[in-house]
Amino acid sequence: MTMSLRRPQRPAQVGNVRAGPSQQVREPTLVDIPVGSPSAGTVVLGEFRTLSAVRFTEDLGAVDERIMEAVEIGLRAVLDR
């Protein structure tokens, strides 16, 4: 009698999305936040970055609803783990 061990099949990969039998999992994508110089501030991607730079205090006008929806989706993906 012989026994063979088979490796489990990996989900098919399409770009950054792994398609499983019943779900799709989006792989995280790293986004860099440009700042003038690191300082004591918020840790983003393992580095200290400041959020008090001028670019964060300027009023750039109304934010498009689609941008707010994209930000909300991104935050939910990170915080709802």
C-alpha atoms as a PDB file:
ATOM      1  CA  MET A   1       0.000   0.000   0.000  1.00  0.00           C
ATOM      2  CA  THR A   2       1.416   3.393  -0.950  1.00  0.00           C
ATOM      3  CA  MET A   3       0.362   6.768   0.338  1.00  0.00           C
ATOM      4  CA  SER A   4       0.977  10.028  -1.408  1.00  0.00           C
ATOM      5  CA  LEU A   5       0.855  13.449   0.168  1.00  0.00           C
ATOM      6  CA  ARG A   6      -0.421  16.249  -2.005  1.00  0.00           C
ATOM      7  CA  ARG A   7       0.219  19.907  -1.397  1.00  0.00           C
ATOM      8  CA  PRO A   8      -2.903  21.992  -0.949  1.00  0.00           C
ATOM      9  CA  GLN A   9      -3.739  23.953  -4.052  1.00  0.00           C
ATOM     10  CA  ARG A  10      -2.954  27.637  -3.937  1.00  0.00           C
ATOM     11  CA  PRO A  11      -5.700  30.084  -4.844  1.00  0.00           C
ATOM     12  CA  ALA A  12      -5.514  31.535  -8.339  1.00  0.00           C
ATOM     13  CA  GLN A  13      -3.797  34.905  -8.361  1.00  0.00           C
ATOM     14  CA  VAL A  14      -5.009  37.834 -10.408  1.00  0.00           C
ATOM     15  CA  GLY A  15      -2.870  40.947  -9.924  1.00  0.00           C
ATOM     16  CA  ASN A  16      -2.979  41.841  -6.240  1.00  0.00           C
ATOM     17  CA  VAL A  17      -6.164  39.851  -5.597  1.00  0.00           C
ATOM     18  CA  ARG A  18      -6.063  36.260  -4.385  1.00  0.00           C
ATOM     19  CA  ALA A  19      -9.223  34.442  -5.389  1.00  0.00           C
ATOM     20  CA  GLY A  20     -10.166  31.744  -2.900  1.00  0.00           C
ATOM     21  CA  PRO A  21     -12.985  29.219  -3.121  1.00  0.00           C
ATOM     22  CA  SER A  22     -15.550  31.542  -1.559  1.00  0.00           C
ATOM     23  CA  GLN A  23     -13.878  34.931  -1.197  1.00  0.00           C
ATOM     24  CA  GLN A  24     -11.428  37.380  -2.658  1.00  0.00           C
ATOM     25  CA  VAL A  25      -8.673  38.833  -0.480  1.00  0.00           C
ATOM     26  CA  ARG A  26      -6.973  42.016  -1.649  1.00  0.00           C
ATOM     27  CA  GLU A  27      -3.274  42.120  -0.873  1.00  0.00           C
ATOM     28  CA  PRO A  28      -2.170  45.298   0.926  1.00  0.00           C
ATOM     29  CA  THR A  29      -0.397  47.891  -1.178  1.00  0.00           C
ATOM     30  CA  LEU A  30       2.131  50.190   0.483  1.00  0.00           C
ATOM     31  CA  VAL A  31       1.646  53.893  -0.119  1.00  0.00           C
ATOM     32  CA  ASP A  32       4.330  56.377   0.872  1.00  0.00           C
ATOM     33  CA  ILE A  33       3.353  59.699   2.462  1.00  0.00           C
ATOM     34  CA  PRO A  34       5.832  62.413   1.441  1.00  0.00           C
ATOM     35  CA  VAL A  35       6.968  64.711   4.244  1.00  0.00           C
ATOM     36  CA  GLY A  36       9.753  67.261   4.650  1.00  0.00           C
ATOM     37  CA  SER A  37      11.675  65.561   7.443  1.00  0.00           C
ATOM     38  CA  PRO A  38      10.925  62.839   9.992  1.00  0.00           C
ATOM     39  CA  SER A  39       9.999  63.986  13.471  1.00  0.00           C
ATOM     40  CA  ALA A  40       8.226  62.698  16.541  1.00  0.00           C
ATOM     41  CA  GLY A  41       4.797  62.054  15.122  1.00  0.00           C
ATOM     42  CA  THR A  42       2.686  59.298  13.732  1.00  0.00           C
ATOM     43  CA  VAL A  43       4.209  55.952  12.788  1.00  0.00           C
ATOM     44  CA  VAL A  44       3.351  55.204   9.162  1.00  0.00           C
ATOM     45  CA  LEU A  45       4.795  52.093   7.501  1.00  0.00           C
ATOM     46  CA  GLY A  46       7.314  51.657  10.287  1.00  0.00           C
ATOM     47  CA  GLU A  47       8.802  55.134  10.012  1.00  0.00           C
ATOM     48  CA  PHE A  48       8.170  58.269  12.010  1.00  0.00           C
ATOM     49  CA  ARG A  49       6.373  60.856   9.920  1.00  0.00           C
ATOM     50  CA  THR A  50       4.888  64.181  10.893  1.00  0.00           C
ATOM     51  CA  LEU A  51       1.355  65.198  10.050  1.00  0.00           C
ATOM     52  CA  SER A  52       1.843  68.820  11.077  1.00  0.00           C
ATOM     53  CA  ALA A  53       3.469  69.960   7.826  1.00  0.00           C
ATOM     54  CA  VAL A  54       1.923  72.870   5.939  1.00  0.00           C
ATOM     55  CA  ARG A  55       0.365  70.538   3.363  1.00  0.00           C
ATOM     56  CA  PHE A  56      -1.911  69.136   6.056  1.00  0.00           C
ATOM     57  CA  THR A  57      -3.108  72.535   7.282  1.00  0.00           C
ATOM     58  CA  GLU A  58      -3.863  74.179   3.930  1.00  0.00           C
ATOM     59  CA  ASP A  59      -7.524  74.348   2.952  1.00  0.00           C
ATOM     60  CA  LEU A  60      -7.644  72.673  -0.443  1.00  0.00           C
ATOM     61  CA  GLY A  61     -11.398  72.989  -0.870  1.00  0.00           C
ATOM     62  CA  ALA A  62     -14.156  70.409  -0.863  1.00  0.00           C
ATOM     63  CA  VAL A  63     -13.254  66.721  -0.911  1.00  0.00           C
ATOM     64  CA  ASP A  64     -14.924  64.683  -3.616  1.00  0.00           C
ATOM     65  CA  GLU A  65     -17.431  62.110  -2.313  1.00  0.00           C
ATOM     66  CA  ARG A  66     -15.651  59.306  -4.189  1.00  0.00           C
ATOM     67  CA  ILE A  67     -12.379  60.131  -2.425  1.00  0.00           C
ATOM     68  CA  MET A  68     -14.085  60.001   0.976  1.00  0.00           C
ATOM     69  CA  GLU A  69     -15.637  56.652   0.059  1.00  0.00           C
ATOM     70  CA  ALA A  70     -12.223  55.289  -0.978  1.00  0.00           C
ATOM     71  CA  VAL A  71     -10.677  56.499   2.295  1.00  0.00           C
ATOM     72  CA  GLU A  72     -13.485  54.873   4.284  1.00  0.00           C
ATOM     73  CA  ILE A  73     -13.044  51.569   2.433  1.00  0.00           C
ATOM     74  CA  GLY A  74      -9.298  51.674   3.084  1.00  0.00           C
ATOM     75  CA  LEU A  75      -9.742  52.403   6.784  1.00  0.00           C
ATOM     76  CA  ARG A  76     -12.317  49.638   7.163  1.00  0.00           C
ATOM     77  CA  ALA A  77      -9.967  47.167   5.456  1.00  0.00           C
ATOM     78  CA  VAL A  78      -7.216  48.028   7.942  1.00  0.00           C
ATOM     79  CA  LEU A  79      -9.258  48.426  11.129  1.00  0.00           C
ATOM     80  CA  ASP A  80     -11.851  45.639  10.701  1.00  0.00           C
ATOM     81  CA  ARG A  81      -9.353  42.774  10.878  1.00  0.00           C
END
